[in-house]
Amino acid sequence: MSSLPDNPVIVVGSGLAGLMTALCLAPQPVVVVTRAGLGEESSSQWAQGGIAAALGEDDDAALHAEDTLAAGDGLCDSDAVHAITGAAREAIATLEGFGVVFDRDGQGRLALGLEAAHGRRRIVHAAGDSSGAEILRAMVRAARATPSIHFLEHHSAERLLTTDGRMAGLVVAGQDGERKFIAASRVVLATGGLGGLFQATTNPAGNFGQGIVLAARAGAKLADMEFVQFHPTALAGRTRPLALVSEAVRGEGALLVNDRGERFMSTIAGQELAPRDVVARAISAELATGRRVFLDARQALGERFGARFPAIHTLCRATGVDPARDLIPVSPAAHYHMGGVATDLRGRSSVPGLWAAGEVACTGLHGANRLASNSLLEAAVMGQRVAEDIRRAPVVMPSFHALPSAECAVEDEAVRPIVSRHFGVIRHAAGLYAALEELLPMVEEDGPATQPALVALLIGVFAYQRRESRGGHARSDFPLPQPRSQRQIMTLSEALAAARAILSHPEARSA
């Protein structure tokens, strides 16, 4: 680590958002900090669906924005929606410039797929249903070939340090326990989501919201923490994380049926291609009655399944399911977090010198419910925007900091059952209250469970205070949306105060 440049831009995370930021900053010195190998343990790598981009002859950015706003259920930031969907064409071109090869049809045009709640075929794929892995493969290769990018692989980001309210640097720890402070006045969080807090998840198991912890402790504002998207069709089983059966399978005509053979989505607007929150709740309702739920691709795809979805075909066959002949057992699983570190459209957080991009950030693009394949689009576009903003920002010399005391080893086993039990597809006041009762002492005792408990408590406070059902947040005690709903934004200190206030009133159990 002695060879690191002075006052570099630090990028924490090596998924699409982080690598796009680092590459677009060249030739400025950048240090990429990643707890695994470069591009590994990243949700970007596991993405099957691809990138949403209005590139078809019958499509345009305005239609894409319209679909995004509809899926976001009234809570999208309109400026963010139009800015990010409008930048899709440029983002695809930039990725191609870094070596990403997208799938094309027989005429050499980009092959565009259809996913739920999209009014047009606009999903750009790479290597079929292995889009995320293929995109990251190219981005990692480009990053390693860029002399201005330095890598701290297998290092964890422990704490952001500030001086006079602005960013001063980052404490990192290697696998051998060695800790070091890297002085930097510009830090970018690109750490992904928090799906690992849930037992049933399609995310890397270790993703519990580390970037949110870093930002929250530094005083950054957080937004929309209650909105967790549950992918309707994870491959049901005992593995963790659960394998994903992409929405694109339903886009090709596969149907959802229960164990009676009933197509329970047939009377719901949009049917199998309704927004994800709608489909997830419908499946959960079936499971709650003791039914099992399956994806039936036999008629729509049959023997073509393996060629069209080779990765999913392999995952299914590993569990003894042949999608050409068998029903595919599915269930909802935590998949994407719409909330996170509140940022503007330059990726700036409320802490000077701290930017965020990708799933850890909350630009307002997704609102209450992410439109399929908008996540990789946001990661690519906002990575570019963050890099552009940093290039234009004046460079401030950071103050030196002594190392703070070491963090406890993180353990999320005590938190995961609480989150899975109370913050699932359907929530209610009694469960949210019970969760806060268990989580607040974990946060205050500064032990192994403190960091994951902190993220979970943020979800719980935001969810308790949203007394309605909207998008990815559904409450059985408040099943209808409120007519004048607004986004929630608060700091960690404000959330802790709210949690204590809630728990000081036992009658709040049934609020």
Protein backbone atom coordinates (compact mmCIF):
# COMPACT_ATOMS: atom_id res chain seq x y z
CA MET A 1 0.00 0.00 0.00
CA SER A 2 3.03 2.32 0.24
CA SER A 3 2.92 2.77 -3.54
CA LEU A 4 -0.54 4.34 -3.52
CA PRO A 5 -0.79 7.88 -4.95
CA ASP A 6 -1.26 10.88 -2.67
CA ASN A 7 -4.83 12.13 -2.22
CA PRO A 8 -6.34 9.81 -4.83
CA VAL A 9 -9.99 9.43 -5.64
CA ILE A 10 -11.04 6.37 -3.63
CA VAL A 11 -13.74 4.16 -5.13
CA VAL A 12 -15.16 1.62 -2.68
CA GLY A 13 -16.60 -1.32 -4.64
CA SER A 14 -15.80 -2.98 -7.94
CA GLY A 15 -19.17 -3.63 -9.56
CA LEU A 16 -20.35 -1.77 -12.63
CA ALA A 17 -20.83 1.60 -10.89
CA GLY A 18 -17.40 1.53 -9.28
CA LEU A 19 -15.50 0.41 -12.38
CA MET A 20 -17.36 2.85 -14.63
CA THR A 21 -16.40 5.68 -12.26
CA ALA A 22 -12.76 4.61 -12.12
CA LEU A 23 -12.43 4.19 -15.88
CA CYS A 24 -14.13 7.49 -16.68
CA LEU A 25 -11.80 9.31 -14.26
CA ALA A 26 -8.65 8.25 -16.12
CA PRO A 27 -5.97 9.57 -16.12
CA GLN A 28 -6.71 10.89 -12.62
CA PRO A 29 -5.24 8.60 -9.92
CA VAL A 30 -7.89 6.28 -8.50
CA VAL A 31 -7.69 3.60 -5.81
CA VAL A 32 -10.37 0.90 -6.01
CA VAL A 33 -11.00 -0.79 -2.65
CA THR A 34 -12.84 -4.11 -2.85
CA ARG A 35 -13.32 -6.73 -0.17
CA ALA A 36 -13.01 -9.61 -2.67
CA GLY A 37 -11.22 -9.93 -5.98
CA LEU A 38 -11.95 -7.27 -8.58
CA GLY A 39 -15.54 -7.63 -9.78
CA GLU A 40 -16.23 -10.57 -7.46
CA GLU A 41 -19.05 -10.78 -4.88
CA SER A 42 -20.86 -8.11 -6.89
CA SER A 43 -24.56 -8.07 -7.67
CA SER A 44 -23.63 -6.61 -11.07
CA GLN A 45 -21.86 -9.85 -11.91
CA TRP A 46 -25.01 -11.87 -11.23
CA ALA A 47 -27.39 -9.72 -13.28
CA GLN A 48 -29.16 -11.81 -15.91
CA GLY A 49 -31.57 -9.34 -17.46
CA GLY A 50 -29.21 -6.75 -18.93
CA ILE A 51 -29.49 -2.98 -19.35
CA ALA A 52 -32.68 -1.09 -20.17
CA ALA A 53 -32.11 1.35 -23.05
CA ALA A 54 -34.60 2.84 -25.51
CA LEU A 55 -32.81 1.95 -28.73
CA GLY A 56 -35.54 0.30 -30.81
CA GLU A 57 -37.15 1.98 -33.83
CA ASP A 58 -40.51 1.99 -32.01
CA ASP A 59 -39.03 3.34 -28.78
CA ASP A 60 -37.58 6.51 -27.29
CA ALA A 61 -36.35 7.86 -23.97
CA ALA A 62 -39.70 9.49 -23.22
CA LEU A 63 -41.49 6.13 -23.39
CA HIS A 64 -38.80 4.57 -21.20
CA ALA A 65 -39.25 7.39 -18.70
CA GLU A 66 -43.01 6.89 -18.74
CA ASP A 67 -42.65 3.20 -17.89
CA THR A 68 -40.14 4.01 -15.14
CA LEU A 69 -42.46 6.56 -13.55
CA ALA A 70 -45.36 4.10 -13.65
CA ALA A 71 -43.36 1.33 -11.99
CA GLY A 72 -42.05 3.76 -9.33
CA ASP A 73 -45.60 4.15 -8.02
CA GLY A 74 -45.63 7.91 -7.53
CA LEU A 75 -42.31 8.36 -5.71
CA CYS A 76 -39.79 8.71 -8.56
CA ASP A 77 -37.82 11.91 -8.91
CA SER A 78 -38.95 13.02 -12.38
CA ASP A 79 -35.71 14.86 -13.13
CA ALA A 80 -33.67 11.77 -12.28
CA VAL A 81 -35.89 9.57 -14.41
CA HIS A 82 -35.60 11.74 -17.51
CA ALA A 83 -31.88 12.39 -17.05
CA ILE A 84 -30.92 8.74 -16.61
CA THR A 85 -33.21 7.20 -19.22
CA GLY A 86 -32.15 9.94 -21.63
CA ALA A 87 -28.49 8.99 -21.16
CA ALA A 88 -28.97 5.29 -21.98
CA ARG A 89 -27.70 5.45 -25.56
CA GLU A 90 -24.51 7.22 -24.49
CA ALA A 91 -23.98 4.72 -21.65
CA ILE A 92 -24.25 1.74 -24.00
CA ALA A 93 -21.75 3.38 -26.36
CA THR A 94 -19.35 4.04 -23.47
CA LEU A 95 -19.56 0.42 -22.34
CA GLU A 96 -18.85 -0.75 -25.88
CA GLY A 97 -15.84 1.57 -25.89
CA PHE A 98 -14.54 -0.26 -22.82
CA GLY A 99 -14.87 -3.58 -24.62
CA VAL A 100 -18.34 -4.83 -23.73
CA VAL A 101 -19.83 -6.86 -26.60
CA PHE A 102 -23.62 -6.76 -26.61
CA ASP A 103 -25.78 -9.37 -28.33
CA ARG A 104 -26.94 -8.57 -31.85
CA ASP A 105 -29.47 -10.07 -34.25
CA GLY A 106 -28.89 -11.47 -37.75
CA GLN A 107 -28.91 -7.96 -39.23
CA GLY A 108 -26.25 -6.71 -36.83
CA ARG A 109 -28.66 -4.67 -34.73
CA LEU A 110 -28.67 -4.83 -30.94
CA ALA A 111 -30.95 -7.70 -29.87
CA LEU A 112 -33.56 -6.16 -27.57
CA GLY A 113 -35.48 -8.22 -25.00
CA LEU A 114 -38.75 -7.58 -23.17
CA GLU A 115 -39.22 -7.55 -19.40
CA ALA A 116 -42.07 -6.81 -17.04
CA ALA A 117 -43.68 -3.36 -17.08
CA HIS A 118 -41.71 -2.27 -20.15
CA GLY A 119 -43.94 -1.16 -23.02
CA ARG A 120 -41.25 -1.94 -25.62
CA ARG A 121 -38.47 -4.43 -26.20
CA ARG A 122 -35.54 -2.46 -24.82
CA ILE A 123 -33.33 -4.79 -22.75
CA VAL A 124 -29.78 -4.96 -24.09
CA HIS A 125 -28.01 -8.23 -23.27
CA ALA A 126 -24.46 -9.52 -23.35
CA ALA A 127 -23.88 -13.27 -23.60
CA GLY A 128 -27.59 -14.00 -23.27
CA ASP A 129 -28.67 -14.38 -19.66
CA SER A 130 -25.12 -13.84 -18.35
CA SER A 131 -25.18 -10.11 -19.05
CA GLY A 132 -23.78 -8.92 -15.74
CA ALA A 133 -20.87 -11.36 -15.75
CA GLU A 134 -19.99 -10.53 -19.36
CA ILE A 135 -20.17 -6.77 -18.79
CA LEU A 136 -18.00 -7.00 -15.67
CA ARG A 137 -15.50 -9.27 -17.42
CA ALA A 138 -14.89 -6.56 -20.02
CA MET A 139 -14.84 -3.76 -17.43
CA VAL A 140 -12.35 -5.59 -15.18
CA ARG A 141 -10.07 -6.19 -18.16
CA ALA A 142 -10.27 -2.50 -19.13
CA ALA A 143 -9.62 -1.38 -15.54
CA ARG A 144 -6.57 -3.62 -15.12
CA ALA A 145 -5.16 -2.19 -18.35
CA THR A 146 -5.55 1.42 -17.09
CA PRO A 147 -2.32 2.68 -15.42
CA SER A 148 -4.08 5.36 -13.36
CA ILE A 149 -6.22 2.81 -11.49
CA HIS A 150 -4.70 1.14 -8.43
CA PHE A 151 -6.35 -1.77 -6.65
CA LEU A 152 -6.69 -2.80 -3.01
CA GLU A 153 -8.29 -6.20 -3.42
CA HIS A 154 -9.33 -8.26 -0.39
CA HIS A 155 -9.54 -5.11 1.74
CA SER A 156 -12.58 -3.99 3.68
CA ALA A 157 -13.58 -0.35 4.06
CA GLU A 158 -13.97 0.18 7.82
CA ARG A 159 -14.81 3.82 8.33
CA LEU A 160 -15.00 7.15 6.54
CA LEU A 161 -13.30 9.98 8.42
CA THR A 162 -14.15 13.66 8.11
CA THR A 163 -12.57 16.95 9.09
CA ASP A 164 -14.80 19.99 9.62
CA GLY A 165 -17.69 18.09 8.05
CA ARG A 166 -15.97 17.17 4.79
CA MET A 167 -14.31 13.99 3.60
CA ALA A 168 -10.76 13.36 4.80
CA GLY A 169 -10.17 9.70 4.01
CA LEU A 170 -10.92 6.04 4.57
CA VAL A 171 -9.77 3.40 7.03
CA VAL A 172 -9.22 0.03 5.36
CA ALA A 173 -8.35 -3.39 6.74
CA GLY A 174 -6.67 -6.28 4.93
CA GLN A 175 -7.45 -9.94 5.39
CA ASP A 176 -4.41 -10.22 7.65
CA GLY A 177 -5.89 -7.60 9.96
CA GLU A 178 -3.52 -4.80 8.96
CA ARG A 179 -5.30 -1.44 9.10
CA LYS A 180 -4.38 1.77 7.35
CA PHE A 181 -5.78 5.27 6.86
CA ILE A 182 -5.77 6.51 3.26
CA ALA A 183 -5.95 10.29 3.13
CA ALA A 184 -8.40 11.36 0.42
CA SER A 185 -10.71 14.32 0.03
CA ARG A 186 -12.82 12.52 -2.61
CA VAL A 187 -14.47 9.14 -1.93
CA VAL A 188 -17.03 7.31 -4.06
CA LEU A 189 -19.24 4.61 -2.52
CA ALA A 190 -20.20 1.91 -5.01
CA THR A 191 -20.74 -0.94 -2.59
CA GLY A 192 -24.00 -2.47 -3.81
CA GLY A 193 -27.08 -3.38 -1.82
CA LEU A 194 -28.27 -5.04 1.37
CA GLY A 195 -29.99 -8.25 0.25
CA GLY A 196 -27.69 -10.35 2.44
CA LEU A 197 -29.74 -9.20 5.45
CA PHE A 198 -32.51 -11.54 4.26
CA GLN A 199 -32.47 -15.32 4.43
CA ALA A 200 -34.12 -15.57 1.01
CA THR A 201 -32.05 -13.39 -1.32
CA THR A 202 -30.58 -13.42 -4.80
CA ASN A 203 -27.69 -11.14 -3.72
CA PRO A 204 -24.21 -12.09 -2.52
CA ALA A 205 -24.69 -13.31 1.03
CA GLY A 206 -22.14 -10.85 2.43
CA ASN A 207 -23.92 -7.75 1.14
CA PHE A 208 -25.60 -6.31 4.22
CA GLY A 209 -25.39 -2.60 3.31
CA GLN A 210 -21.77 -1.81 4.21
CA GLY A 211 -21.80 1.39 2.16
CA ILE A 212 -24.87 2.61 3.99
CA VAL A 213 -23.08 2.05 7.31
CA LEU A 214 -20.06 4.04 6.10
CA ALA A 215 -22.18 6.93 4.84
CA ALA A 216 -24.56 6.97 7.81
CA ARG A 217 -21.74 7.13 10.35
CA ALA A 218 -20.18 9.99 8.36
CA GLY A 219 -23.44 11.94 8.72
CA ALA A 220 -24.84 11.51 5.21
CA LYS A 221 -28.56 11.76 4.55
CA LEU A 222 -30.35 8.52 3.65
CA ALA A 223 -33.48 8.15 1.53
CA ASP A 224 -36.27 5.63 0.89
CA MET A 225 -34.74 2.92 3.10
CA GLU A 226 -38.06 1.07 3.43
CA PHE A 227 -38.28 0.11 -0.23
CA VAL A 228 -36.86 -3.38 -0.82
CA GLN A 229 -37.73 -5.08 -4.07
CA PHE A 230 -38.43 -8.81 -3.90
CA HIS A 231 -37.80 -10.60 -7.17
CA PRO A 232 -40.89 -12.74 -7.76
CA THR A 233 -39.15 -15.72 -9.33
CA ALA A 234 -36.12 -16.95 -7.44
CA LEU A 235 -35.49 -20.65 -7.95
CA ALA A 236 -37.09 -22.12 -4.82
CA GLY A 237 -34.74 -24.29 -2.77
CA ARG A 238 -32.48 -24.42 0.26
CA THR A 239 -29.39 -22.80 -1.23
CA ARG A 240 -28.26 -19.35 -0.17
CA PRO A 241 -28.27 -17.11 -2.04
CA LEU A 242 -31.12 -18.32 -4.23
CA ALA A 243 -30.59 -18.61 -7.96
CA LEU A 244 -32.52 -16.13 -10.05
CA VAL A 245 -34.95 -17.03 -12.84
CA SER A 246 -34.87 -13.84 -14.87
CA GLU A 247 -37.95 -11.81 -15.68
CA ALA A 248 -36.92 -12.26 -19.30
CA VAL A 249 -38.23 -15.85 -19.10
CA ARG A 250 -41.70 -14.42 -18.52
CA GLY A 251 -40.96 -11.91 -21.24
CA GLU A 252 -40.64 -14.86 -23.62
CA GLY A 253 -44.09 -16.12 -22.62
CA ALA A 254 -43.58 -18.37 -19.58
CA LEU A 255 -46.61 -18.49 -17.24
CA LEU A 256 -47.02 -18.58 -13.46
CA VAL A 257 -49.17 -21.42 -12.09
CA ASN A 258 -49.84 -22.92 -8.69
CA ASP A 259 -49.76 -26.61 -7.80
CA ARG A 260 -53.39 -26.93 -8.95
CA GLY A 261 -52.36 -25.76 -12.40
CA GLU A 262 -54.22 -22.46 -11.92
CA ARG A 263 -52.80 -19.40 -13.67
CA PHE A 264 -53.42 -17.01 -10.77
CA MET A 265 -52.00 -13.93 -12.56
CA SER A 266 -54.50 -14.12 -15.41
CA THR A 267 -56.96 -11.65 -13.84
CA ILE A 268 -54.31 -9.12 -12.72
CA ALA A 269 -53.44 -6.15 -14.93
CA GLY A 270 -50.25 -6.94 -16.80
CA GLN A 271 -50.57 -10.62 -15.87
CA GLU A 272 -47.12 -12.28 -15.68
CA LEU A 273 -45.49 -9.03 -16.81
CA ALA A 274 -47.03 -6.83 -14.11
CA PRO A 275 -44.57 -4.78 -12.01
CA ARG A 276 -42.40 -6.85 -9.70
CA ASP A 277 -44.08 -5.79 -6.48
CA VAL A 278 -47.46 -6.87 -7.86
CA VAL A 279 -46.17 -10.26 -8.98
CA ALA A 280 -44.25 -10.84 -5.74
CA ARG A 281 -47.33 -10.15 -3.60
CA ALA A 282 -49.48 -12.42 -5.76
CA ILE A 283 -47.00 -15.27 -5.41
CA SER A 284 -46.69 -14.64 -1.65
CA ALA A 285 -50.47 -14.82 -1.32
CA GLU A 286 -50.45 -18.24 -3.00
CA LEU A 287 -47.63 -19.49 -0.79
CA ALA A 288 -49.42 -18.19 2.33
CA THR A 289 -52.36 -20.53 1.60
CA GLY A 290 -50.03 -23.52 1.43
CA ARG A 291 -49.89 -23.63 -2.36
CA ARG A 292 -46.66 -24.01 -4.32
CA VAL A 293 -45.87 -21.77 -7.28
CA PHE A 294 -44.16 -22.65 -10.54
CA LEU A 295 -42.98 -21.02 -13.73
CA ASP A 296 -44.20 -22.95 -16.75
CA ALA A 297 -41.99 -22.42 -19.80
CA ARG A 298 -42.84 -25.71 -21.52
CA GLN A 299 -45.20 -24.30 -24.12
CA ALA A 300 -43.53 -20.91 -24.62
CA LEU A 301 -39.94 -22.15 -24.93
CA GLY A 302 -39.78 -25.93 -24.62
CA GLU A 303 -36.57 -27.28 -26.11
CA ARG A 304 -35.42 -23.74 -26.94
CA PHE A 305 -35.03 -22.91 -23.24
CA GLY A 306 -31.41 -24.04 -23.02
CA ALA A 307 -30.33 -22.01 -26.04
CA ARG A 308 -32.19 -18.86 -24.99
CA PHE A 309 -31.30 -19.02 -21.28
CA PRO A 310 -28.19 -21.20 -20.95
CA ALA A 311 -27.19 -20.02 -17.46
CA ILE A 312 -30.70 -20.42 -16.02
CA HIS A 313 -30.99 -23.80 -17.74
CA THR A 314 -27.80 -24.93 -16.00
CA LEU A 315 -29.04 -23.68 -12.62
CA CYS A 316 -32.34 -25.50 -13.03
CA ARG A 317 -30.73 -28.75 -14.16
CA ALA A 318 -28.45 -28.65 -11.11
CA THR A 319 -31.60 -28.96 -8.96
CA GLY A 320 -33.05 -31.76 -11.08
CA VAL A 321 -35.46 -29.55 -13.05
CA ASP A 322 -35.54 -29.68 -16.85
CA PRO A 323 -37.28 -26.42 -17.90
CA ALA A 324 -38.19 -27.90 -21.29
CA ARG A 325 -40.30 -30.60 -19.61
CA ASP A 326 -40.77 -29.64 -15.95
CA LEU A 327 -42.36 -26.84 -13.98
CA ILE A 328 -39.79 -24.55 -12.34
CA PRO A 329 -40.48 -23.99 -8.59
CA VAL A 330 -40.20 -20.30 -7.68
CA SER A 331 -40.66 -17.97 -4.71
CA PRO A 332 -39.95 -14.28 -3.97
CA ALA A 333 -36.53 -13.26 -2.64
CA ALA A 334 -34.93 -9.96 -1.63
CA HIS A 335 -33.32 -8.69 -4.80
CA TYR A 336 -32.76 -4.92 -4.93
CA HIS A 337 -32.84 -1.95 -2.57
CA MET A 338 -34.40 1.21 -4.01
CA GLY A 339 -33.22 3.33 -1.06
CA GLY A 340 -29.76 4.26 0.13
CA VAL A 341 -27.44 7.24 0.36
CA ALA A 342 -29.37 10.29 -0.86
CA THR A 343 -27.58 11.87 -3.84
CA ASP A 344 -28.21 14.49 -6.46
CA LEU A 345 -27.80 13.85 -10.19
CA ARG A 346 -24.06 14.38 -9.91
CA GLY A 347 -23.86 11.59 -7.36
CA ARG A 348 -23.06 13.99 -4.52
CA SER A 349 -24.15 13.02 -1.02
CA SER A 350 -24.89 15.56 1.72
CA VAL A 351 -21.28 15.19 2.97
CA PRO A 352 -18.82 17.31 0.93
CA GLY A 353 -16.32 15.07 -0.83
CA LEU A 354 -18.51 11.95 -0.66
CA TRP A 355 -20.23 10.60 -3.77
CA ALA A 356 -22.29 7.42 -4.23
CA ALA A 357 -23.35 5.48 -7.32
CA GLY A 358 -25.21 2.26 -8.05
CA GLU A 359 -27.42 0.38 -5.62
CA VAL A 360 -25.92 1.97 -2.51
CA ALA A 361 -27.15 5.35 -3.75
CA CYS A 362 -30.67 6.73 -4.00
CA THR A 363 -31.07 9.15 -6.89
CA GLY A 364 -34.87 8.88 -6.96
CA LEU A 365 -34.83 7.02 -10.29
CA HIS A 366 -36.56 3.92 -8.92
CA GLY A 367 -39.11 5.52 -6.61
CA ALA A 368 -41.00 2.86 -4.67
CA ASN A 369 -40.34 0.06 -7.15
CA ARG A 370 -37.49 -0.42 -9.63
CA LEU A 371 -38.35 -1.04 -13.26
CA ALA A 372 -36.57 -4.16 -14.50
CA SER A 373 -33.01 -3.66 -15.81
CA ASN A 374 -32.90 0.01 -14.82
CA SER A 375 -30.33 -0.85 -12.14
CA LEU A 376 -27.39 -1.51 -14.48
CA LEU A 377 -28.45 1.53 -16.50
CA GLU A 378 -28.32 3.72 -13.39
CA ALA A 379 -24.95 2.25 -12.37
CA ALA A 380 -23.45 3.02 -15.78
CA VAL A 381 -24.94 6.49 -16.16
CA MET A 382 -24.24 7.63 -12.60
CA GLY A 383 -20.70 6.23 -12.72
CA GLN A 384 -20.09 8.52 -15.69
CA ARG A 385 -21.78 11.47 -13.96
CA VAL A 386 -19.81 11.03 -10.74
CA ALA A 387 -16.53 10.90 -12.67
CA GLU A 388 -17.46 14.04 -14.59
CA ASP A 389 -18.35 15.89 -11.39
CA ILE A 390 -15.13 14.86 -9.65
CA ARG A 391 -13.06 15.99 -12.62
CA ARG A 392 -14.63 19.45 -12.34
CA ALA A 393 -14.45 19.72 -8.55
CA PRO A 394 -11.54 21.58 -6.90
CA VAL A 395 -9.03 19.31 -5.20
CA VAL A 396 -8.82 19.84 -1.44
CA MET A 397 -5.88 18.50 0.54
CA PRO A 398 -7.20 16.24 3.31
CA SER A 399 -6.12 16.40 6.92
CA PHE A 400 -4.20 13.48 8.41
CA HIS A 401 -6.09 11.27 10.84
CA ALA A 402 -4.88 8.88 13.49
CA LEU A 403 -6.37 5.41 13.21
CA PRO A 404 -9.55 4.99 15.25
CA SER A 405 -9.93 1.86 17.33
CA ALA A 406 -10.51 -1.34 15.38
CA GLU A 407 -14.04 -2.43 14.48
CA CYS A 408 -15.51 -5.64 15.86
CA ALA A 409 -15.66 -8.56 13.47
CA VAL A 410 -19.01 -8.25 11.72
CA GLU A 411 -21.60 -10.95 12.34
CA ASP A 412 -25.08 -10.78 10.80
CA GLU A 413 -26.50 -14.12 11.97
CA ALA A 414 -28.44 -12.51 14.82
CA VAL A 415 -29.94 -9.85 12.53
CA ARG A 416 -30.99 -11.96 9.54
CA PRO A 417 -33.90 -13.80 11.25
CA ILE A 418 -35.32 -10.48 12.48
CA VAL A 419 -35.16 -8.90 9.05
CA SER A 420 -36.53 -11.98 7.29
CA ARG A 421 -39.44 -12.31 9.73
CA HIS A 422 -40.54 -8.68 9.91
CA PHE A 423 -39.35 -6.85 6.77
CA GLY A 424 -40.58 -9.25 4.08
CA VAL A 425 -43.09 -8.85 1.26
CA ILE A 426 -45.91 -7.98 3.72
CA ARG A 427 -45.28 -5.90 6.87
CA HIS A 428 -47.35 -4.60 9.80
CA ALA A 429 -46.90 -2.34 12.82
CA ALA A 430 -46.57 -5.09 15.45
CA GLY A 431 -43.80 -6.80 13.50
CA LEU A 432 -41.95 -3.57 12.79
CA TYR A 433 -42.17 -2.55 16.45
CA ALA A 434 -40.88 -5.97 17.55
CA ALA A 435 -37.98 -5.69 15.13
CA LEU A 436 -36.99 -2.26 16.43
CA GLU A 437 -37.11 -3.59 20.01
CA GLU A 438 -34.53 -6.23 19.10
CA LEU A 439 -32.39 -4.12 16.79
CA LEU A 440 -31.88 -0.93 18.83
CA PRO A 441 -29.90 -2.64 21.65
CA MET A 442 -27.65 -4.29 19.04
CA VAL A 443 -26.92 -0.91 17.48
CA GLU A 444 -26.19 0.73 20.84
CA GLU A 445 -23.94 -2.00 22.29
CA ASP A 446 -21.26 -1.68 19.55
CA GLY A 447 -20.75 -5.41 19.09
CA PRO A 448 -20.38 -7.84 16.18
CA ALA A 449 -23.99 -7.34 15.07
CA THR A 450 -23.92 -3.53 15.25
CA GLN A 451 -23.33 -2.75 11.58
CA PRO A 452 -25.97 -5.04 10.04
CA ALA A 453 -28.36 -4.11 12.88
CA LEU A 454 -27.85 -0.44 12.03
CA VAL A 455 -28.90 -0.98 8.41
CA ALA A 456 -31.85 -3.11 9.49
CA LEU A 457 -32.96 -0.52 12.02
CA LEU A 458 -32.95 2.13 9.30
CA ILE A 459 -35.23 -0.04 7.17
CA GLY A 460 -37.51 -0.59 10.17
CA VAL A 461 -37.85 3.07 11.11
CA PHE A 462 -38.56 4.15 7.55
CA ALA A 463 -41.03 1.27 7.11
CA TYR A 464 -42.83 1.99 10.40
CA GLN A 465 -43.28 5.64 9.47
CA ARG A 466 -44.67 4.88 6.00
CA ARG A 467 -48.28 4.11 6.90
CA GLU A 468 -49.41 2.98 3.49
CA SER A 469 -48.73 0.31 0.89
CA ARG A 470 -46.74 1.51 -2.09
CA GLY A 471 -44.36 -0.24 -4.47
CA GLY A 472 -41.92 -2.49 -2.64
CA HIS A 473 -43.40 -1.57 0.76
CA ALA A 474 -46.68 -3.34 1.57
CA ARG A 475 -48.42 -3.19 4.96
CA SER A 476 -51.34 -5.38 5.93
CA ASP A 477 -52.51 -2.75 8.44
CA PHE A 478 -52.34 0.04 5.84
CA PRO A 479 -53.19 -1.76 2.59
CA LEU A 480 -54.01 1.37 0.56
CA PRO A 481 -51.73 4.12 -0.73
CA GLN A 482 -51.98 7.60 0.76
CA PRO A 483 -53.09 10.35 -1.66
CA ARG A 484 -50.18 12.68 -0.79
CA SER A 485 -47.21 10.41 -0.37
CA GLN A 486 -43.68 11.77 -0.11
CA ARG A 487 -40.17 10.37 -0.01
CA GLN A 488 -38.50 10.07 3.39
CA ILE A 489 -35.00 11.45 3.96
CA MET A 490 -33.16 11.47 7.29
CA THR A 491 -29.75 11.05 8.89
CA LEU A 492 -28.70 8.21 11.19
CA SER A 493 -29.08 10.41 14.29
CA GLU A 494 -32.60 11.33 13.23
CA ALA A 495 -33.47 7.68 12.60
CA LEU A 496 -32.12 6.64 16.01
CA ALA A 497 -34.18 9.36 17.66
CA ALA A 498 -37.26 8.17 15.77
CA ALA A 499 -36.67 4.56 16.85
CA ARG A 500 -36.41 5.57 20.51
CA ALA A 501 -39.56 7.67 20.21
CA ILE A 502 -41.49 4.78 18.67
CA LEU A 503 -40.36 2.36 21.37
CA SER A 504 -41.21 4.78 24.16
CA HIS A 505 -44.89 4.35 23.32
CA PRO A 506 -46.04 0.73 23.75
CA GLU A 507 -49.31 1.56 21.99
CA ALA A 508 -47.22 2.07 18.83
CA ARG A 509 -47.26 -1.71 18.39
CA SER A 510 -50.66 -1.29 16.71
CA ALA A 511 -50.15 2.15 15.16
